[in-house]
Amino acid sequence: MSATRSRVLAKAATLIEALPWLERFHGRTVVIKYGGHAMTEESLRHSFAEDIVFLRYAGLKPVIVHGGGPQINAALEKHGIESTFTAGLRVTTPEAMEVVRMVLVGQVNRDVVGLINRHGAFAVGMSGEDANLFTAERKPAMVDGEPVDIGQVGEIVEVQVGAVRSLLDDGRVPVISSVARGDDGEIYNVNADTAAAALAVALDAAKLIVLTDVEGLYADWPDSDEVIDDLTTEELAGLLPDLSAGMVPKMEACLHAVRGGVPQAHVLDGRVPHALLLEVFTDEGIGTMVLPAREGSQ
């Protein structure tokens, strides 16, 4: 067999491998939390946009929720506002919140929308404030068991998905920045991992995918770099207290989503080009998958 024919047959095998996943996810909503290197490295930004458009053409309904930590840090520095963190959460003063909102809604969101829309009129940018998508209330940080006020950092208490559903029904790709409004009219910075999980539950999504800068959840870090392929919510809950600070919000988001009825949640290495396609359309998948607790377990 010629080398050319072997290559062509290998491509056919890859396409056929995707068939059961195309059948399973056609018409289903997939919520993707976008962040880390995938958002800041130029080639990865383009491959992410291509993946989203591919999902859309393949009949899925992708929804993107993004943060923008590196971009916020740069903008705060530029404005001479010091970045401080308490228990892993950004202390958000009114001055800092103004910059956070400007960066997330006016810069990062527009960039993501623009990259996707190079391929067609798909992406529509939203803030969590739009149509009261996210309602939040002030969330203190817990330090040694005591609550500490960290400013305009919010916890989502209500999700209204009407506007997002309308966009999905119209064949659009909602791109949502993790800013929320409170009943008191205050604007809150909310964790994008948490926001994506809350949205996945409210939309009855088939999947939550969280892009990170690690290969997945490590079985025994730092002694081993072996990645856990899959685990149940009960197993994850047992591991949470010992996880590194950076992984906690991501794994908590997966836990919340699956306990809230999302059939599966994934943590993927966003530094891998086309990580989304590898996860959704191949038998092996990549990263770590969280599944519901087994029957009879709590």
C-alpha atoms as a PDB file:
ATOM      1  CA  MET A   1       0.000   0.000   0.000  1.00  0.00           C
ATOM      2  CA  SER A   2       1.334   3.426  -0.912  1.00  0.00           C
ATOM      3  CA  ALA A   3       2.278   5.930   1.797  1.00  0.00           C
ATOM      4  CA  THR A   4      -0.322   8.334   0.412  1.00  0.00           C
ATOM      5  CA  ARG A   5      -3.110   5.775   0.672  1.00  0.00           C
ATOM      6  CA  SER A   6      -2.044   4.895   4.247  1.00  0.00           C
ATOM      7  CA  ARG A   7      -2.284   8.550   5.237  1.00  0.00           C
ATOM      8  CA  VAL A   8      -5.699   8.897   3.622  1.00  0.00           C
ATOM      9  CA  LEU A   9      -7.005   5.756   5.338  1.00  0.00           C
ATOM     10  CA  ALA A  10      -5.684   6.992   8.673  1.00  0.00           C
ATOM     11  CA  LYS A  11      -7.680  10.211   8.176  1.00  0.00           C
ATOM     12  CA  ALA A  12     -10.793   8.169   7.383  1.00  0.00           C
ATOM     13  CA  ALA A  13     -10.274   6.108  10.546  1.00  0.00           C
ATOM     14  CA  THR A  14     -10.056   9.320  12.586  1.00  0.00           C
ATOM     15  CA  LEU A  15     -13.265  10.650  11.062  1.00  0.00           C
ATOM     16  CA  ILE A  16     -15.136   7.382  11.678  1.00  0.00           C
ATOM     17  CA  GLU A  17     -13.902   7.317  15.287  1.00  0.00           C
ATOM     18  CA  ALA A  18     -15.744  10.611  15.754  1.00  0.00           C
ATOM     19  CA  LEU A  19     -19.086   9.154  14.578  1.00  0.00           C
ATOM     20  CA  PRO A  20     -20.461   7.831  17.912  1.00  0.00           C
ATOM     21  CA  TRP A  21     -19.519  11.099  19.599  1.00  0.00           C
ATOM     22  CA  LEU A  22     -21.172  13.138  16.824  1.00  0.00           C
ATOM     23  CA  GLU A  23     -24.330  11.060  17.317  1.00  0.00           C
ATOM     24  CA  ARG A  24     -24.192  11.457  21.082  1.00  0.00           C
ATOM     25  CA  PHE A  25     -23.583  15.200  21.239  1.00  0.00           C
ATOM     26  CA  HIS A  26     -25.444  16.468  18.162  1.00  0.00           C
ATOM     27  CA  GLY A  27     -27.783  19.240  19.273  1.00  0.00           C
ATOM     28  CA  ARG A  28     -26.451  19.161  22.848  1.00  0.00           C
ATOM     29  CA  THR A  29     -25.029  22.116  24.754  1.00  0.00           C
ATOM     30  CA  VAL A  30     -21.384  22.058  25.848  1.00  0.00           C
ATOM     31  CA  VAL A  31     -20.109  24.745  28.247  1.00  0.00           C
ATOM     32  CA  ILE A  32     -16.402  25.561  27.933  1.00  0.00           C
ATOM     33  CA  LYS A  33     -14.439  27.558  30.482  1.00  0.00           C
ATOM     34  CA  TYR A  34     -11.704  29.343  28.533  1.00  0.00           C
ATOM     35  CA  GLY A  35      -8.536  30.594  30.225  1.00  0.00           C
ATOM     36  CA  GLY A  36      -4.823  30.073  30.842  1.00  0.00           C
ATOM     37  CA  HIS A  37      -2.256  29.735  28.055  1.00  0.00           C
ATOM     38  CA  ALA A  38      -4.965  28.838  25.545  1.00  0.00           C
ATOM     39  CA  MET A  39      -6.176  32.409  25.929  1.00  0.00           C
ATOM     40  CA  THR A  40      -2.841  34.245  25.831  1.00  0.00           C
ATOM     41  CA  GLU A  41      -0.691  32.352  23.321  1.00  0.00           C
ATOM     42  CA  GLU A  42      -1.409  33.474  19.762  1.00  0.00           C
ATOM     43  CA  SER A  43      -1.392  30.084  17.993  1.00  0.00           C
ATOM     44  CA  LEU A  44      -3.525  28.495  20.734  1.00  0.00           C
ATOM     45  CA  ARG A  45      -6.038  31.351  20.551  1.00  0.00           C
ATOM     46  CA  HIS A  46      -6.524  30.612  16.849  1.00  0.00           C
ATOM     47  CA  SER A  47      -6.773  26.829  17.311  1.00  0.00           C
ATOM     48  CA  PHE A  48      -9.340  27.353  20.111  1.00  0.00           C
ATOM     49  CA  ALA A  49     -11.484  29.496  17.798  1.00  0.00           C
ATOM     50  CA  GLU A  50     -11.224  26.814  15.091  1.00  0.00           C
ATOM     51  CA  ASP A  51     -12.287  24.133  17.579  1.00  0.00           C
ATOM     52  CA  ILE A  52     -15.350  26.138  18.605  1.00  0.00           C
ATOM     53  CA  VAL A  53     -16.393  26.662  14.992  1.00  0.00           C
ATOM     54  CA  PHE A  54     -15.835  22.952  14.287  1.00  0.00           C
ATOM     55  CA  LEU A  55     -18.082  22.029  17.234  1.00  0.00           C
ATOM     56  CA  ARG A  56     -20.738  24.394  15.935  1.00  0.00           C
ATOM     57  CA  TYR A  57     -20.609  22.976  12.395  1.00  0.00           C
ATOM     58  CA  ALA A  58     -20.659  19.444  13.846  1.00  0.00           C
ATOM     59  CA  GLY A  59     -24.058  20.217  15.354  1.00  0.00           C
ATOM     60  CA  LEU A  60     -23.077  20.910  18.965  1.00  0.00           C
ATOM     61  CA  LYS A  61     -24.052  24.075  20.829  1.00  0.00           C
ATOM     62  CA  PRO A  62     -20.876  25.469  22.435  1.00  0.00           C
ATOM     63  CA  VAL A  63     -21.087  28.174  25.107  1.00  0.00           C
ATOM     64  CA  ILE A  64     -17.885  29.895  26.268  1.00  0.00           C
ATOM     65  CA  VAL A  65     -17.318  31.413  29.717  1.00  0.00           C
ATOM     66  CA  HIS A  66     -14.032  33.254  30.144  1.00  0.00           C
ATOM     67  CA  GLY A  67     -11.997  35.021  32.754  1.00  0.00           C
ATOM     68  CA  GLY A  68      -8.858  36.992  32.034  1.00  0.00           C
ATOM     69  CA  GLY A  69      -6.406  36.900  34.938  1.00  0.00           C
ATOM     70  CA  PRO A  70      -3.201  37.790  33.026  1.00  0.00           C
ATOM     71  CA  GLN A  71      -4.914  40.595  31.095  1.00  0.00           C
ATOM     72  CA  ILE A  72      -6.441  41.981  34.316  1.00  0.00           C
ATOM     73  CA  ASN A  73      -3.052  41.894  36.080  1.00  0.00           C
ATOM     74  CA  ALA A  74      -1.446  43.802  33.194  1.00  0.00           C
ATOM     75  CA  ALA A  75      -4.210  46.432  33.138  1.00  0.00           C
ATOM     76  CA  LEU A  76      -4.154  46.938  36.914  1.00  0.00           C
ATOM     77  CA  GLU A  77      -0.389  47.409  36.778  1.00  0.00           C
ATOM     78  CA  LYS A  78      -0.771  49.897  33.948  1.00  0.00           C
ATOM     79  CA  HIS A  79      -3.291  51.864  36.033  1.00  0.00           C
ATOM     80  CA  GLY A  80      -1.060  51.714  39.116  1.00  0.00           C
ATOM     81  CA  ILE A  81      -3.490  49.532  41.092  1.00  0.00           C
ATOM     82  CA  GLU A  82      -1.833  46.890  43.240  1.00  0.00           C
ATOM     83  CA  SER A  83      -3.012  43.258  42.845  1.00  0.00           C
ATOM     84  CA  THR A  84      -3.480  41.468  46.137  1.00  0.00           C
ATOM     85  CA  PHE A  85      -4.895  37.996  46.761  1.00  0.00           C
ATOM     86  CA  THR A  86      -6.445  36.468  49.872  1.00  0.00           C
ATOM     87  CA  ALA A  87      -7.007  32.686  49.989  1.00  0.00           C
ATOM     88  CA  GLY A  88      -6.432  32.567  46.238  1.00  0.00           C
ATOM     89  CA  LEU A  89      -9.095  35.201  45.457  1.00  0.00           C
ATOM     90  CA  ARG A  90      -8.363  38.643  44.024  1.00  0.00           C
ATOM     91  CA  VAL A  91      -9.151  41.468  46.460  1.00  0.00           C
ATOM     92  CA  THR A  92     -11.357  43.686  44.307  1.00  0.00           C
ATOM     93  CA  THR A  93     -11.683  47.328  45.324  1.00  0.00           C
ATOM     94  CA  PRO A  94     -14.111  49.628  43.429  1.00  0.00           C
ATOM     95  CA  GLU A  95     -11.110  50.989  41.455  1.00  0.00           C
ATOM     96  CA  ALA A  96      -9.937  47.472  40.617  1.00  0.00           C
ATOM     97  CA  MET A  97     -13.485  46.393  39.689  1.00  0.00           C
ATOM     98  CA  GLU A  98     -13.699  49.192  37.141  1.00  0.00           C
ATOM     99  CA  VAL A  99     -10.570  47.836  35.450  1.00  0.00           C
ATOM    100  CA  VAL A 100     -11.687  44.177  35.755  1.00  0.00           C
ATOM    101  CA  ARG A 101     -14.995  44.994  34.078  1.00  0.00           C
ATOM    102  CA  MET A 102     -13.345  47.031  31.344  1.00  0.00           C
ATOM    103  CA  VAL A 103     -10.815  44.279  30.564  1.00  0.00           C
ATOM    104  CA  LEU A 104     -13.224  41.321  30.677  1.00  0.00           C
ATOM    105  CA  VAL A 105     -16.149  42.904  28.850  1.00  0.00           C
ATOM    106  CA  GLY A 106     -14.416  45.412  26.611  1.00  0.00           C
ATOM    107  CA  GLN A 107     -11.150  43.690  25.712  1.00  0.00           C
ATOM    108  CA  VAL A 108     -10.983  39.923  26.314  1.00  0.00           C
ATOM    109  CA  ASN A 109     -14.591  39.269  25.299  1.00  0.00           C
ATOM    110  CA  ARG A 110     -14.211  41.246  22.080  1.00  0.00           C
ATOM    111  CA  ASP A 111     -10.981  39.393  21.226  1.00  0.00           C
ATOM    112  CA  VAL A 112     -12.613  35.970  21.605  1.00  0.00           C
ATOM    113  CA  VAL A 113     -15.688  37.015  19.633  1.00  0.00           C
ATOM    114  CA  GLY A 114     -13.509  38.452  16.861  1.00  0.00           C
ATOM    115  CA  LEU A 115     -11.387  35.308  16.487  1.00  0.00           C
ATOM    116  CA  ILE A 116     -14.440  33.057  16.182  1.00  0.00           C
ATOM    117  CA  ASN A 117     -16.208  35.387  13.794  1.00  0.00           C
ATOM    118  CA  ARG A 118     -13.353  35.220  11.296  1.00  0.00           C
ATOM    119  CA  HIS A 119     -14.956  31.887  10.387  1.00  0.00           C
ATOM    120  CA  GLY A 120     -18.556  33.110  10.168  1.00  0.00           C
ATOM    121  CA  ALA A 121     -21.191  35.141  12.007  1.00  0.00           C
ATOM    122  CA  PHE A 122     -21.380  32.874  15.054  1.00  0.00           C
ATOM    123  CA  ALA A 123     -20.113  34.455  18.274  1.00  0.00           C
ATOM    124  CA  VAL A 124     -22.085  36.984  20.315  1.00  0.00           C
ATOM    125  CA  GLY A 125     -20.439  38.600  23.334  1.00  0.00           C
ATOM    126  CA  MET A 126     -22.258  38.910  26.651  1.00  0.00           C
ATOM    127  CA  SER A 127     -21.457  39.876  30.189  1.00  0.00           C
ATOM    128  CA  GLY A 128     -22.962  38.037  33.132  1.00  0.00           C
ATOM    129  CA  GLU A 129     -24.775  41.334  33.762  1.00  0.00           C
ATOM    130  CA  ASP A 130     -26.694  41.114  30.468  1.00  0.00           C
ATOM    131  CA  ALA A 131     -30.341  40.071  30.864  1.00  0.00           C
ATOM    132  CA  ASN A 132     -29.505  39.289  34.520  1.00  0.00           C
ATOM    133  CA  LEU A 133     -27.672  36.148  33.390  1.00  0.00           C
ATOM    134  CA  PHE A 134     -25.681  35.967  36.650  1.00  0.00           C
ATOM    135  CA  THR A 135     -26.871  37.451  39.932  1.00  0.00           C
ATOM    136  CA  ALA A 136     -24.255  37.403  42.673  1.00  0.00           C
ATOM    137  CA  GLU A 137     -23.807  38.391  46.284  1.00  0.00           C
ATOM    138  CA  ARG A 138     -20.646  39.409  48.088  1.00  0.00           C
ATOM    139  CA  LYS A 139     -18.415  36.468  48.955  1.00  0.00           C
ATOM    140  CA  PRO A 140     -15.875  36.711  51.786  1.00  0.00           C
ATOM    141  CA  ALA A 141     -12.658  34.717  51.739  1.00  0.00           C
ATOM    142  CA  MET A 142     -12.201  32.184  54.527  1.00  0.00           C
ATOM    143  CA  VAL A 143      -8.871  32.535  56.333  1.00  0.00           C
ATOM    144  CA  ASP A 144      -8.275  30.178  59.268  1.00  0.00           C
ATOM    145  CA  GLY A 145     -12.019  29.583  59.446  1.00  0.00           C
ATOM    146  CA  GLU A 146     -12.840  33.294  59.636  1.00  0.00           C
ATOM    147  CA  PRO A 147     -14.563  35.319  56.859  1.00  0.00           C
ATOM    148  CA  VAL A 148     -12.444  38.161  55.429  1.00  0.00           C
ATOM    149  CA  ASP A 149     -13.978  40.838  53.203  1.00  0.00           C
ATOM    150  CA  ILE A 150     -12.243  40.950  49.806  1.00  0.00           C
ATOM    151  CA  GLY A 151     -14.343  43.647  48.152  1.00  0.00           C
ATOM    152  CA  GLN A 152     -16.429  43.205  45.022  1.00  0.00           C
ATOM    153  CA  VAL A 153     -15.932  39.464  44.655  1.00  0.00           C
ATOM    154  CA  GLY A 154     -19.216  37.650  44.198  1.00  0.00           C
ATOM    155  CA  GLU A 155     -20.760  34.223  44.476  1.00  0.00           C
ATOM    156  CA  ILE A 156     -23.457  33.389  41.922  1.00  0.00           C
ATOM    157  CA  VAL A 157     -26.855  32.897  43.560  1.00  0.00           C
ATOM    158  CA  GLU A 158     -29.098  32.934  40.476  1.00  0.00           C
ATOM    159  CA  VAL A 159     -28.740  32.132  36.770  1.00  0.00           C
ATOM    160  CA  GLN A 160     -31.279  33.262  34.157  1.00  0.00           C
ATOM    161  CA  VAL A 161     -30.486  31.548  30.867  1.00  0.00           C
ATOM    162  CA  GLY A 162     -33.260  32.922  28.626  1.00  0.00           C
ATOM    163  CA  ALA A 163     -30.962  35.153  26.578  1.00  0.00           C
ATOM    164  CA  VAL A 164     -28.343  32.396  26.190  1.00  0.00           C
ATOM    165  CA  ARG A 165     -30.986  29.891  25.054  1.00  0.00           C
ATOM    166  CA  SER A 166     -32.266  32.385  22.487  1.00  0.00           C
ATOM    167  CA  LEU A 167     -28.770  32.786  21.048  1.00  0.00           C
ATOM    168  CA  LEU A 168     -28.246  29.009  20.923  1.00  0.00           C
ATOM    169  CA  ASP A 169     -31.613  28.514  19.211  1.00  0.00           C
ATOM    170  CA  ASP A 170     -30.487  31.068  16.631  1.00  0.00           C
ATOM    171  CA  GLY A 171     -27.300  29.070  15.938  1.00  0.00           C
ATOM    172  CA  ARG A 172     -25.011  31.544  17.736  1.00  0.00           C
ATOM    173  CA  VAL A 173     -22.100  30.891  20.081  1.00  0.00           C
ATOM    174  CA  PRO A 174     -22.493  32.904  23.328  1.00  0.00           C
ATOM    175  CA  VAL A 175     -19.189  34.218  24.710  1.00  0.00           C
ATOM    176  CA  ILE A 176     -19.717  35.254  28.327  1.00  0.00           C
ATOM    177  CA  SER A 177     -17.448  37.267  30.609  1.00  0.00           C
ATOM    178  CA  SER A 178     -17.521  36.397  34.308  1.00  0.00           C
ATOM    179  CA  VAL A 179     -18.933  39.635  35.694  1.00  0.00           C
ATOM    180  CA  ALA A 180     -22.207  39.648  37.648  1.00  0.00           C
ATOM    181  CA  ARG A 181     -24.629  42.139  39.159  1.00  0.00           C
ATOM    182  CA  GLY A 182     -26.029  41.942  42.681  1.00  0.00           C
ATOM    183  CA  ASP A 183     -29.594  42.651  43.765  1.00  0.00           C
ATOM    184  CA  ASP A 184     -28.068  45.712  45.412  1.00  0.00           C
ATOM    185  CA  GLY A 185     -26.876  47.018  42.021  1.00  0.00           C
ATOM    186  CA  GLU A 186     -23.227  46.314  42.904  1.00  0.00           C
ATOM    187  CA  ILE A 187     -21.016  44.818  40.174  1.00  0.00           C
ATOM    188  CA  TYR A 188     -19.078  41.695  41.141  1.00  0.00           C
ATOM    189  CA  ASN A 189     -16.060  39.854  39.826  1.00  0.00           C
ATOM    190  CA  VAL A 190     -16.966  36.141  39.872  1.00  0.00           C
ATOM    191  CA  ASN A 191     -14.673  33.163  39.386  1.00  0.00           C
ATOM    192  CA  ALA A 192     -14.990  32.001  35.768  1.00  0.00           C
ATOM    193  CA  ASP A 193     -14.699  28.296  36.704  1.00  0.00           C
ATOM    194  CA  THR A 194     -17.597  28.659  39.133  1.00  0.00           C
ATOM    195  CA  ALA A 195     -19.623  30.700  36.635  1.00  0.00           C
ATOM    196  CA  ALA A 196     -19.138  28.057  33.923  1.00  0.00           C
ATOM    197  CA  ALA A 197     -20.318  25.294  36.285  1.00  0.00           C
ATOM    198  CA  ALA A 198     -23.415  27.247  37.351  1.00  0.00           C
ATOM    199  CA  LEU A 199     -24.255  27.936  33.704  1.00  0.00           C
ATOM    200  CA  ALA A 200     -23.722  24.289  32.669  1.00  0.00           C
ATOM    201  CA  VAL A 201     -26.213  23.176  35.335  1.00  0.00           C
ATOM    202  CA  ALA A 202     -28.771  25.841  34.391  1.00  0.00           C
ATOM    203  CA  LEU A 203     -28.538  24.958  30.688  1.00  0.00           C
ATOM    204  CA  ASP A 204     -28.780  21.170  31.241  1.00  0.00           C
ATOM    205  CA  ALA A 205     -25.485  20.906  29.360  1.00  0.00           C
ATOM    206  CA  ALA A 206     -24.183  17.533  28.193  1.00  0.00           C
ATOM    207  CA  LYS A 207     -20.646  18.460  29.263  1.00  0.00           C
ATOM    208  CA  LEU A 208     -18.586  21.033  31.127  1.00  0.00           C
ATOM    209  CA  ILE A 209     -15.026  21.457  29.884  1.00  0.00           C
ATOM    210  CA  VAL A 210     -12.513  23.495  31.901  1.00  0.00           C
ATOM    211  CA  LEU A 211      -9.292  24.437  30.099  1.00  0.00           C
ATOM    212  CA  THR A 212      -6.233  24.649  32.363  1.00  0.00           C
ATOM    213  CA  ASP A 213      -2.438  24.855  32.160  1.00  0.00           C
ATOM    214  CA  VAL A 214      -1.838  21.330  33.460  1.00  0.00           C
ATOM    215  CA  GLU A 215      -2.437  17.921  31.892  1.00  0.00           C
ATOM    216  CA  GLY A 216      -5.287  17.120  34.250  1.00  0.00           C
ATOM    217  CA  LEU A 217      -5.662  16.100  37.869  1.00  0.00           C
ATOM    218  CA  TYR A 218      -2.484  14.405  39.064  1.00  0.00           C
ATOM    219  CA  ALA A 219      -2.792  11.221  41.121  1.00  0.00           C
ATOM    220  CA  ASP A 220       0.087  11.999  43.479  1.00  0.00           C
ATOM    221  CA  TRP A 221       1.572  15.418  42.765  1.00  0.00           C
ATOM    222  CA  PRO A 222       4.445  16.331  43.145  1.00  0.00           C
ATOM    223  CA  ASP A 223       5.741  12.761  43.560  1.00  0.00           C
ATOM    224  CA  SER A 224       4.203  11.628  40.269  1.00  0.00           C
ATOM    225  CA  ASP A 225       2.967  13.289  37.079  1.00  0.00           C
ATOM    226  CA  GLU A 226       0.508  10.475  36.368  1.00  0.00           C
ATOM    227  CA  VAL A 227      -2.867  11.942  35.400  1.00  0.00           C
ATOM    228  CA  ILE A 228      -6.148  10.511  36.696  1.00  0.00           C
ATOM    229  CA  ASP A 229      -8.205   9.645  33.597  1.00  0.00           C
ATOM    230  CA  ASP A 230     -11.556   9.646  35.361  1.00  0.00           C
ATOM    231  CA  LEU A 231     -13.053   9.661  38.845  1.00  0.00           C
ATOM    232  CA  THR A 232     -16.457   9.971  40.494  1.00  0.00           C
ATOM    233  CA  THR A 233     -17.796  12.951  42.424  1.00  0.00           C
ATOM    234  CA  GLU A 234     -17.350  11.024  45.682  1.00  0.00           C
ATOM    235  CA  GLU A 235     -13.706  10.283  44.867  1.00  0.00           C
ATOM    236  CA  LEU A 236     -13.097  13.912  43.884  1.00  0.00           C
ATOM    237  CA  ALA A 237     -14.712  15.233  47.060  1.00  0.00           C
ATOM    238  CA  GLY A 238     -12.261  13.109  49.037  1.00  0.00           C
ATOM    239  CA  LEU A 239      -9.273  14.556  47.158  1.00  0.00           C
ATOM    240  CA  LEU A 240     -10.316  18.241  47.241  1.00  0.00           C
ATOM    241  CA  PRO A 241      -8.790  19.194  50.651  1.00  0.00           C
ATOM    242  CA  ASP A 242      -5.317  18.168  49.471  1.00  0.00           C
ATOM    243  CA  LEU A 243      -5.332  19.789  46.014  1.00  0.00           C
ATOM    244  CA  SER A 244      -3.127  22.739  45.082  1.00  0.00           C
ATOM    245  CA  ALA A 245      -4.806  26.152  45.406  1.00  0.00           C
ATOM    246  CA  GLY A 246      -4.912  26.645  41.626  1.00  0.00           C
ATOM    247  CA  MET A 247      -6.734  23.367  40.980  1.00  0.00           C
ATOM    248  CA  VAL A 248      -9.345  23.751  43.719  1.00  0.00           C
ATOM    249  CA  PRO A 249     -11.752  26.132  41.899  1.00  0.00           C
ATOM    250  CA  LYS A 250     -11.479  24.075  38.698  1.00  0.00           C
ATOM    251  CA  MET A 251     -12.179  20.744  40.376  1.00  0.00           C
ATOM    252  CA  GLU A 252     -14.884  22.294  42.583  1.00  0.00           C
ATOM    253  CA  ALA A 253     -16.530  23.548  39.386  1.00  0.00           C
ATOM    254  CA  CYS A 254     -16.497  20.014  37.939  1.00  0.00           C
ATOM    255  CA  LEU A 255     -17.884  18.629  41.198  1.00  0.00           C
ATOM    256  CA  HIS A 256     -20.681  21.225  41.345  1.00  0.00           C
ATOM    257  CA  ALA A 257     -21.628  20.683  37.687  1.00  0.00           C
ATOM    258  CA  VAL A 258     -21.865  16.882  37.899  1.00  0.00           C
ATOM    259  CA  ARG A 259     -23.682  16.957  41.237  1.00  0.00           C
ATOM    260  CA  GLY A 260     -26.044  19.455  39.594  1.00  0.00           C
ATOM    261  CA  GLY A 261     -26.961  17.015  36.832  1.00  0.00           C
ATOM    262  CA  VAL A 262     -24.328  17.567  34.119  1.00  0.00           C
ATOM    263  CA  PRO A 263     -23.432  14.016  32.969  1.00  0.00           C
ATOM    264  CA  GLN A 264     -19.677  14.650  32.781  1.00  0.00           C
ATOM    265  CA  ALA A 265     -17.121  17.378  33.446  1.00  0.00           C
ATOM    266  CA  HIS A 266     -13.547  17.538  32.176  1.00  0.00           C
ATOM    267  CA  VAL A 267     -10.331  19.332  33.031  1.00  0.00           C
ATOM    268  CA  LEU A 268      -8.165  19.623  29.908  1.00  0.00           C
ATOM    269  CA  ASP A 269      -4.700  20.925  29.124  1.00  0.00           C
ATOM    270  CA  GLY A 270      -5.429  24.013  27.036  1.00  0.00           C
ATOM    271  CA  ARG A 271      -1.754  24.132  25.970  1.00  0.00           C
ATOM    272  CA  VAL A 272      -2.416  21.164  23.666  1.00  0.00           C
ATOM    273  CA  PRO A 273      -3.522  22.413  20.227  1.00  0.00           C
ATOM    274  CA  HIS A 274      -7.108  21.329  19.465  1.00  0.00           C
ATOM    275  CA  ALA A 275      -7.531  19.885  22.961  1.00  0.00           C
ATOM    276  CA  LEU A 276     -11.295  20.382  22.675  1.00  0.00           C
ATOM    277  CA  LEU A 277     -11.602  18.230  19.571  1.00  0.00           C
ATOM    278  CA  LEU A 278      -9.427  15.506  21.079  1.00  0.00           C
ATOM    279  CA  GLU A 279     -11.671  15.406  24.137  1.00  0.00           C
ATOM    280  CA  VAL A 280     -15.038  15.503  22.400  1.00  0.00           C
ATOM    281  CA  PHE A 281     -14.404  13.341  19.341  1.00  0.00           C
ATOM    282  CA  THR A 282     -11.824  10.657  20.206  1.00  0.00           C
ATOM    283  CA  ASP A 283     -12.191   7.407  22.128  1.00  0.00           C
ATOM    284  CA  GLU A 284      -9.199   8.092  24.386  1.00  0.00           C
ATOM    285  CA  GLY A 285      -9.976  11.704  25.241  1.00  0.00           C
ATOM    286  CA  ILE A 286      -7.416  13.660  27.244  1.00  0.00           C
ATOM    287  CA  GLY A 287      -7.276  15.222  30.687  1.00  0.00           C
ATOM    288  CA  THR A 288      -9.422  14.154  33.648  1.00  0.00           C
ATOM    289  CA  MET A 289     -13.148  13.350  33.517  1.00  0.00           C
ATOM    290  CA  VAL A 290     -15.495  13.632  36.513  1.00  0.00           C
ATOM    291  CA  LEU A 291     -18.539  11.342  36.511  1.00  0.00           C
ATOM    292  CA  PRO A 292     -21.557  10.979  38.838  1.00  0.00           C
ATOM    293  CA  ALA A 293     -21.244   8.947  42.031  1.00  0.00           C
ATOM    294  CA  ARG A 294     -21.971   5.266  41.573  1.00  0.00           C
ATOM    295  CA  GLU A 295     -25.430   3.918  42.359  1.00  0.00           C
ATOM    296  CA  GLY A 296     -25.971   3.567  46.088  1.00  0.00           C
ATOM    297  CA  SER A 297     -23.200   6.092  46.953  1.00  0.00           C
ATOM    298  CA  GLN A 298     -23.674   9.551  48.324  1.00  0.00           C
END
